[in-house]
Amino acid sequence: MRWPRPATRADWRPVVEGTAVPVLFVAGAESEYWSASHAAAASLAPIGSSIVIPDDGHAANIEQPEAFNSALLDFARSL
């Protein structure tokens, strides 16, 4: 099912810039809500990383659990 248009959300970038915790952004390549440019916002965090999962929509943990779990574990191990 395709939604008619992306959701409107507040600008969350200042929150990421001010965080003191590690940040991992995971974006699905086919998501209509989060894109690679959103995932790139991880660079705003003092400790930030991002990954774009191919052939994935908006729910990577459900649609691509192996890729999602691998990204999460790799990020945790890098800390």
PDB file of N, CA and C in Angstrom:
ATOM      1  N   MET A   1       0.847  -1.188   0.000  1.00  0.00           N
ATOM      2  CA  MET A   1       0.000   0.000   0.000  1.00  0.00           C
ATOM      3  C   MET A   1       0.885   1.242   0.000  1.00  0.00           C
ATOM      4  N   ARG A   2       0.615   2.161  -0.876  1.00  0.00           N
ATOM      5  CA  ARG A   2       1.361   3.415  -0.930  1.00  0.00           C
ATOM      6  C   ARG A   2       0.509   4.515  -0.298  1.00  0.00           C
ATOM      7  N   TRP A   3       1.148   5.251   0.598  1.00  0.00           N
ATOM      8  CA  TRP A   3       0.477   6.388   1.209  1.00  0.00           C
ATOM      9  C   TRP A   3       0.467   7.537   0.212  1.00  0.00           C
ATOM     10  N   PRO A   4      -0.523   8.410   0.282  1.00  0.00           N
ATOM     11  CA  PRO A   4      -0.630   9.485  -0.704  1.00  0.00           C
ATOM     12  C   PRO A   4       0.510  10.503  -0.641  1.00  0.00           C
ATOM     13  N   ARG A   5       1.080  10.753   0.525  1.00  0.00           N
ATOM     14  CA  ARG A   5       2.186  11.710   0.629  1.00  0.00           C
ATOM     15  C   ARG A   5       2.940  11.447   1.930  1.00  0.00           C
ATOM     16  N   PRO A   6       4.206  11.839   1.979  1.00  0.00           N
ATOM     17  CA  PRO A   6       4.979  11.653   3.211  1.00  0.00           C
ATOM     18  C   PRO A   6       4.394  12.450   4.365  1.00  0.00           C
ATOM     19  N   ALA A   7       4.602  11.952   5.553  1.00  0.00           N
ATOM     20  CA  ALA A   7       4.116  12.630   6.761  1.00  0.00           C
ATOM     21  C   ALA A   7       4.912  13.911   6.995  1.00  0.00           C
ATOM     22  N   THR A   8       4.270  14.874   7.601  1.00  0.00           N
ATOM     23  CA  THR A   8       4.933  16.112   7.970  1.00  0.00           C
ATOM     24  C   THR A   8       5.380  15.978   9.415  1.00  0.00           C
ATOM     25  N   ARG A   9       6.662  16.223   9.640  1.00  0.00           N
ATOM     26  CA  ARG A   9       7.211  16.097  10.984  1.00  0.00           C
ATOM     27  C   ARG A   9       8.028  17.341  11.316  1.00  0.00           C
ATOM     28  N   ALA A  10       8.165  17.589  12.607  1.00  0.00           N
ATOM     29  CA  ALA A  10       8.986  18.707  13.060  1.00  0.00           C
ATOM     30  C   ALA A  10      10.452  18.432  12.736  1.00  0.00           C
ATOM     31  N   ASP A  11      11.235  19.477  12.642  1.00  0.00           N
ATOM     32  CA  ASP A  11      12.663  19.350  12.382  1.00  0.00           C
ATOM     33  C   ASP A  11      13.348  18.811  13.632  1.00  0.00           C
ATOM     34  N   TRP A  12      13.859  17.606  13.562  1.00  0.00           N
ATOM     35  CA  TRP A  12      14.478  16.938  14.703  1.00  0.00           C
ATOM     36  C   TRP A  12      15.993  17.067  14.708  1.00  0.00           C
ATOM     37  N   ARG A  13      16.561  17.719  13.704  1.00  0.00           N
ATOM     38  CA  ARG A  13      18.021  17.844  13.623  1.00  0.00           C
ATOM     39  C   ARG A  13      18.652  18.522  14.832  1.00  0.00           C
ATOM     40  N   PRO A  14      18.053  19.567  15.421  1.00  0.00           N
ATOM     41  CA  PRO A  14      18.665  20.158  16.620  1.00  0.00           C
ATOM     42  C   PRO A  14      18.773  19.170  17.782  1.00  0.00           C
ATOM     43  N   VAL A  15      17.849  18.256  17.881  1.00  0.00           N
ATOM     44  CA  VAL A  15      17.918  17.240  18.944  1.00  0.00           C
ATOM     45  C   VAL A  15      19.128  16.343  18.723  1.00  0.00           C
ATOM     46  N   VAL A  16      19.352  15.948  17.480  1.00  0.00           N
ATOM     47  CA  VAL A  16      20.491  15.092  17.157  1.00  0.00           C
ATOM     48  C   VAL A  16      21.798  15.829  17.430  1.00  0.00           C
ATOM     49  N   GLU A  17      21.863  17.091  17.050  1.00  0.00           N
ATOM     50  CA  GLU A  17      23.080  17.875  17.263  1.00  0.00           C
ATOM     51  C   GLU A  17      23.422  18.007  18.744  1.00  0.00           C
ATOM     52  N   GLY A  18      22.405  18.059  19.585  1.00  0.00           N
ATOM     53  CA  GLY A  18      22.628  18.277  21.013  1.00  0.00           C
ATOM     54  C   GLY A  18      22.703  17.012  21.838  1.00  0.00           C
ATOM     55  N   THR A  19      22.649  15.857  21.214  1.00  0.00           N
ATOM     56  CA  THR A  19      22.639  14.621  21.982  1.00  0.00           C
ATOM     57  C   THR A  19      24.043  14.235  22.439  1.00  0.00           C
ATOM     58  N   ALA A  20      24.099  13.562  23.554  1.00  0.00           N
ATOM     59  CA  ALA A  20      25.382  13.097  24.084  1.00  0.00           C
ATOM     60  C   ALA A  20      25.494  11.577  23.987  1.00  0.00           C
ATOM     61  N   VAL A  21      24.560  10.954  23.293  1.00  0.00           N
ATOM     62  CA  VAL A  21      24.568   9.499  23.167  1.00  0.00           C
ATOM     63  C   VAL A  21      24.824   9.112  21.712  1.00  0.00           C
ATOM     64  N   PRO A  22      25.353   7.919  21.478  1.00  0.00           N
ATOM     65  CA  PRO A  22      25.560   7.456  20.107  1.00  0.00           C
ATOM     66  C   PRO A  22      24.229   7.351  19.356  1.00  0.00           C
ATOM     67  N   VAL A  23      24.269   7.672  18.067  1.00  0.00           N
ATOM     68  CA  VAL A  23      23.073   7.675  17.241  1.00  0.00           C
ATOM     69  C   VAL A  23      23.306   6.806  16.001  1.00  0.00           C
ATOM     70  N   LEU A  24      22.376   5.917  15.730  1.00  0.00           N
ATOM     71  CA  LEU A  24      22.391   5.133  14.495  1.00  0.00           C
ATOM     72  C   LEU A  24      21.097   5.405  13.758  1.00  0.00           C
ATOM     73  N   PHE A  25      21.204   5.907  12.534  1.00  0.00           N
ATOM     74  CA  PHE A  25      20.041   6.094  11.676  1.00  0.00           C
ATOM     75  C   PHE A  25      19.991   4.933  10.700  1.00  0.00           C
ATOM     76  N   VAL A  26      18.836   4.299  10.611  1.00  0.00           N
ATOM     77  CA  VAL A  26      18.629   3.221   9.652  1.00  0.00           C
ATOM     78  C   VAL A  26      17.505   3.665   8.732  1.00  0.00           C
ATOM     79  N   ALA A  27      17.786   3.692   7.437  1.00  0.00           N
ATOM     80  CA  ALA A  27      16.775   4.095   6.457  1.00  0.00           C
ATOM     81  C   ALA A  27      16.626   2.998   5.420  1.00  0.00           C
ATOM     82  N   GLY A  28      15.398   2.749   5.034  1.00  0.00           N
ATOM     83  CA  GLY A  28      15.140   1.821   3.944  1.00  0.00           C
ATOM     84  C   GLY A  28      15.248   2.559   2.620  1.00  0.00           C
ATOM     85  N   ALA A  29      15.891   1.955   1.664  1.00  0.00           N
ATOM     86  CA  ALA A  29      16.080   2.603   0.362  1.00  0.00           C
ATOM     87  C   ALA A  29      14.756   2.935  -0.318  1.00  0.00           C
ATOM     88  N   GLU A  30      13.719   2.189  -0.008  1.00  0.00           N
ATOM     89  CA  GLU A  30      12.423   2.404  -0.649  1.00  0.00           C
ATOM     90  C   GLU A  30      11.424   3.141   0.251  1.00  0.00           C
ATOM     91  N   SER A  31      11.860   3.610   1.400  1.00  0.00           N
ATOM     92  CA  SER A  31      10.958   4.290   2.333  1.00  0.00           C
ATOM     93  C   SER A  31      10.496   5.623   1.762  1.00  0.00           C
ATOM     94  N   GLU A  32       9.229   5.911   1.940  1.00  0.00           N
ATOM     95  CA  GLU A  32       8.688   7.202   1.523  1.00  0.00           C
ATOM     96  C   GLU A  32       8.773   8.219   2.660  1.00  0.00           C
ATOM     97  N   TYR A  33       9.164   7.786   3.839  1.00  0.00           N
ATOM     98  CA  TYR A  33       9.220   8.667   4.992  1.00  0.00           C
ATOM     99  C   TYR A  33      10.639   9.045   5.383  1.00  0.00           C
ATOM    100  N   TRP A  34      11.590   8.117   5.272  1.00  0.00           N
ATOM    101  CA  TRP A  34      12.990   8.372   5.607  1.00  0.00           C
ATOM    102  C   TRP A  34      13.817   8.065   4.383  1.00  0.00           C
ATOM    103  N   SER A  35      14.750   8.914   4.093  1.00  0.00           N
ATOM    104  CA  SER A  35      15.577   8.725   2.912  1.00  0.00           C
ATOM    105  C   SER A  35      17.047   8.695   3.302  1.00  0.00           C
ATOM    106  N   ALA A  36      17.881   8.469   2.325  1.00  0.00           N
ATOM    107  CA  ALA A  36      19.324   8.494   2.561  1.00  0.00           C
ATOM    108  C   ALA A  36      19.749   9.857   3.099  1.00  0.00           C
ATOM    109  N   SER A  37      19.098  10.925   2.653  1.00  0.00           N
ATOM    110  CA  SER A  37      19.462  12.253   3.154  1.00  0.00           C
ATOM    111  C   SER A  37      19.102  12.401   4.628  1.00  0.00           C
ATOM    112  N   HIS A  38      18.020  11.766   5.064  1.00  0.00           N
ATOM    113  CA  HIS A  38      17.694  11.767   6.482  1.00  0.00           C
ATOM    114  C   HIS A  38      18.742  10.988   7.256  1.00  0.00           C
ATOM    115  N   ALA A  39      19.128   9.838   6.729  1.00  0.00           N
ATOM    116  CA  ALA A  39      20.120   9.009   7.406  1.00  0.00           C
ATOM    117  C   ALA A  39      21.444   9.741   7.528  1.00  0.00           C
ATOM    118  N   ALA A  40      21.758  10.585   6.561  1.00  0.00           N
ATOM    119  CA  ALA A  40      23.004  11.346   6.602  1.00  0.00           C
ATOM    120  C   ALA A  40      23.048  12.308   7.784  1.00  0.00           C
ATOM    121  N   ALA A  41      21.903  12.603   8.378  1.00  0.00           N
ATOM    122  CA  ALA A  41      21.862  13.492   9.537  1.00  0.00           C
ATOM    123  C   ALA A  41      22.608  12.901  10.724  1.00  0.00           C
ATOM    124  N   ALA A  42      22.947  11.629  10.668  1.00  0.00           N
ATOM    125  CA  ALA A  42      23.733  11.020  11.747  1.00  0.00           C
ATOM    126  C   ALA A  42      25.050  11.756  11.920  1.00  0.00           C
ATOM    127  N   SER A  43      25.536  12.369  10.864  1.00  0.00           N
ATOM    128  CA  SER A  43      26.800  13.103  10.954  1.00  0.00           C
ATOM    129  C   SER A  43      26.683  14.322  11.866  1.00  0.00           C
ATOM    130  N   LEU A  44      25.460  14.723  12.206  1.00  0.00           N
ATOM    131  CA  LEU A  44      25.258  15.846  13.119  1.00  0.00           C
ATOM    132  C   LEU A  44      25.554  15.463  14.559  1.00  0.00           C
ATOM    133  N   ALA A  45      25.473  14.191  14.879  1.00  0.00           N
ATOM    134  CA  ALA A  45      25.691  13.718  16.245  1.00  0.00           C
ATOM    135  C   ALA A  45      27.184  13.563  16.504  1.00  0.00           C
ATOM    136  N   PRO A  46      27.614  13.803  17.748  1.00  0.00           N
ATOM    137  CA  PRO A  46      29.027  13.603  18.073  1.00  0.00           C
ATOM    138  C   PRO A  46      29.503  12.179  17.774  1.00  0.00           C
ATOM    139  N   ILE A  47      28.673  11.202  18.045  1.00  0.00           N
ATOM    140  CA  ILE A  47      28.948   9.805  17.681  1.00  0.00           C
ATOM    141  C   ILE A  47      27.744   9.340  16.880  1.00  0.00           C
ATOM    142  N   GLY A  48      27.868   9.369  15.567  1.00  0.00           N
ATOM    143  CA  GLY A  48      26.733   9.028  14.728  1.00  0.00           C
ATOM    144  C   GLY A  48      27.137   8.201  13.535  1.00  0.00           C
ATOM    145  N   SER A  49      26.226   7.348  13.122  1.00  0.00           N
ATOM    146  CA  SER A  49      26.448   6.500  11.968  1.00  0.00           C
ATOM    147  C   SER A  49      25.103   6.288  11.286  1.00  0.00           C
ATOM    148  N   SER A  50      25.163   5.920  10.023  1.00  0.00           N
ATOM    149  CA  SER A  50      23.919   5.661   9.302  1.00  0.00           C
ATOM    150  C   SER A  50      24.112   4.518   8.330  1.00  0.00           C
ATOM    151  N   ILE A  51      22.998   3.908   7.992  1.00  0.00           N
ATOM    152  CA  ILE A  51      22.989   2.841   7.000  1.00  0.00           C
ATOM    153  C   ILE A  51      21.685   2.937   6.221  1.00  0.00           C
ATOM    154  N   VAL A  52      21.768   2.695   4.935  1.00  0.00           N
ATOM    155  CA  VAL A  52      20.584   2.608   4.084  1.00  0.00           C
ATOM    156  C   VAL A  52      20.479   1.164   3.640  1.00  0.00           C
ATOM    157  N   ILE A  53      19.361   0.531   3.947  1.00  0.00           N
ATOM    158  CA  ILE A  53      19.163  -0.877   3.642  1.00  0.00           C
ATOM    159  C   ILE A  53      18.447  -1.005   2.297  1.00  0.00           C
ATOM    160  N   PRO A  54      19.097  -1.673   1.331  1.00  0.00           N
ATOM    161  CA  PRO A  54      18.480  -1.839   0.009  1.00  0.00           C
ATOM    162  C   PRO A  54      17.223  -2.702   0.072  1.00  0.00           C
ATOM    163  N   ASP A  55      16.347  -2.485  -0.881  1.00  0.00           N
ATOM    164  CA  ASP A  55      15.120  -3.285  -1.000  1.00  0.00           C
ATOM    165  C   ASP A  55      14.298  -3.283   0.279  1.00  0.00           C
ATOM    166  N   ASP A  56      14.286  -2.149   0.970  1.00  0.00           N
ATOM    167  CA  ASP A  56      13.552  -2.042   2.224  1.00  0.00           C
ATOM    168  C   ASP A  56      12.668  -0.811   2.192  1.00  0.00           C
ATOM    169  N   GLY A  57      11.520  -0.934   2.821  1.00  0.00           N
ATOM    170  CA  GLY A  57      10.608   0.191   2.933  1.00  0.00           C
ATOM    171  C   GLY A  57      10.857   0.948   4.220  1.00  0.00           C
ATOM    172  N   HIS A  58       9.855   1.061   5.050  1.00  0.00           N
ATOM    173  CA  HIS A  58       9.942   1.898   6.247  1.00  0.00           C
ATOM    174  C   HIS A  58      10.203   1.108   7.520  1.00  0.00           C
ATOM    175  N   ALA A  59      10.050  -0.182   7.505  1.00  0.00           N
ATOM    176  CA  ALA A  59      10.179  -0.983   8.727  1.00  0.00           C
ATOM    177  C   ALA A  59      11.276  -2.028   8.558  1.00  0.00           C
ATOM    178  N   ALA A  60      12.512  -1.567   8.565  1.00  0.00           N
ATOM    179  CA  ALA A  60      13.650  -2.451   8.305  1.00  0.00           C
ATOM    180  C   ALA A  60      13.716  -3.618   9.283  1.00  0.00           C
ATOM    181  N   ASN A  61      13.385  -3.376  10.533  1.00  0.00           N
ATOM    182  CA  ASN A  61      13.452  -4.453  11.514  1.00  0.00           C
ATOM    183  C   ASN A  61      12.457  -5.576  11.217  1.00  0.00           C
ATOM    184  N   ILE A  62      11.431  -5.286  10.444  1.00  0.00           N
ATOM    185  CA  ILE A  62      10.443  -6.300  10.069  1.00  0.00           C
ATOM    186  C   ILE A  62      10.700  -6.807   8.655  1.00  0.00           C
ATOM    187  N   GLU A  63      10.969  -5.890   7.726  1.00  0.00           N
ATOM    188  CA  GLU A  63      11.128  -6.253   6.324  1.00  0.00           C
ATOM    189  C   GLU A  63      12.484  -6.884   6.008  1.00  0.00           C
ATOM    190  N   GLN A  64      13.527  -6.441   6.682  1.00  0.00           N
ATOM    191  CA  GLN A  64      14.889  -6.931   6.447  1.00  0.00           C
ATOM    192  C   GLN A  64      15.573  -7.167   7.797  1.00  0.00           C
ATOM    193  N   PRO A  65      15.042  -8.070   8.624  1.00  0.00           N
ATOM    194  CA  PRO A  65      15.570  -8.219   9.985  1.00  0.00           C
ATOM    195  C   PRO A  65      17.055  -8.591  10.042  1.00  0.00           C
ATOM    196  N   GLU A  66      17.527  -9.405   9.103  1.00  0.00           N
ATOM    197  CA  GLU A  66      18.943  -9.779   9.139  1.00  0.00           C
ATOM    198  C   GLU A  66      19.838  -8.567   8.902  1.00  0.00           C
ATOM    199  N   ALA A  67      19.511  -7.757   7.913  1.00  0.00           N
ATOM    200  CA  ALA A  67      20.297  -6.558   7.615  1.00  0.00           C
ATOM    201  C   ALA A  67      20.208  -5.549   8.753  1.00  0.00           C
ATOM    202  N   PHE A  68      19.020  -5.391   9.309  1.00  0.00           N
ATOM    203  CA  PHE A  68      18.819  -4.463  10.424  1.00  0.00           C
ATOM    204  C   PHE A  68      19.636  -4.903  11.634  1.00  0.00           C
ATOM    205  N   ASN A  69      19.509  -6.166  12.007  1.00  0.00           N
ATOM    206  CA  ASN A  69      20.232  -6.675  13.176  1.00  0.00           C
ATOM    207  C   ASN A  69      21.739  -6.586  12.979  1.00  0.00           C
ATOM    208  N   SER A  70      22.207  -6.885  11.784  1.00  0.00           N
ATOM    209  CA  SER A  70      23.630  -6.795  11.489  1.00  0.00           C
ATOM    210  C   SER A  70      24.126  -5.358  11.645  1.00  0.00           C
ATOM    211  N   ALA A  71      23.367  -4.391  11.131  1.00  0.00           N
ATOM    212  CA  ALA A  71      23.743  -2.981  11.249  1.00  0.00           C
ATOM    213  C   ALA A  71      23.776  -2.550  12.711  1.00  0.00           C
ATOM    214  N   LEU A  72      22.782  -2.975  13.470  1.00  0.00           N
ATOM    215  CA  LEU A  72      22.704  -2.604  14.879  1.00  0.00           C
ATOM    216  C   LEU A  72      23.868  -3.207  15.672  1.00  0.00           C
ATOM    217  N   LEU A  73      24.158  -4.471  15.439  1.00  0.00           N
ATOM    218  CA  LEU A  73      25.267  -5.123  16.138  1.00  0.00           C
ATOM    219  C   LEU A  73      26.613  -4.516  15.749  1.00  0.00           C
ATOM    220  N   ASP A  74      26.807  -4.243  14.471  1.00  0.00           N
ATOM    221  CA  ASP A  74      28.057  -3.622  14.028  1.00  0.00           C
ATOM    222  C   ASP A  74      28.251  -2.263  14.694  1.00  0.00           C
ATOM    223  N   PHE A  75      27.163  -1.486  14.779  1.00  0.00           N
ATOM    224  CA  PHE A  75      27.245  -0.182  15.411  1.00  0.00           C
ATOM    225  C   PHE A  75      27.576  -0.311  16.902  1.00  0.00           C
ATOM    226  N   ALA A  76      26.905  -1.223  17.580  1.00  0.00           N
ATOM    227  CA  ALA A  76      27.151  -1.421  19.019  1.00  0.00           C
ATOM    228  C   ALA A  76      28.593  -1.864  19.264  1.00  0.00           C
ATOM    229  N   ARG A  77      29.091  -2.727  18.418  1.00  0.00           N
ATOM    230  CA  ARG A  77      30.470  -3.206  18.586  1.00  0.00           C
ATOM    231  C   ARG A  77      31.499  -2.105  18.316  1.00  0.00           C
ATOM    232  N   SER A  78      31.127  -1.102  17.537  1.00  0.00           N
ATOM    233  CA  SER A  78      32.066  -0.031  17.196  1.00  0.00           C
ATOM    234  C   SER A  78      32.223   0.989  18.325  1.00  0.00           C
ATOM    235  N   LEU A  79      31.375   0.913  19.324  1.00  0.00           N
ATOM    236  CA  LEU A  79      31.404   1.923  20.401  1.00  0.00           C
ATOM    237  C   LEU A  79      32.473   1.615  21.437  1.00  0.00           C
TER     238      LEU A  79
END
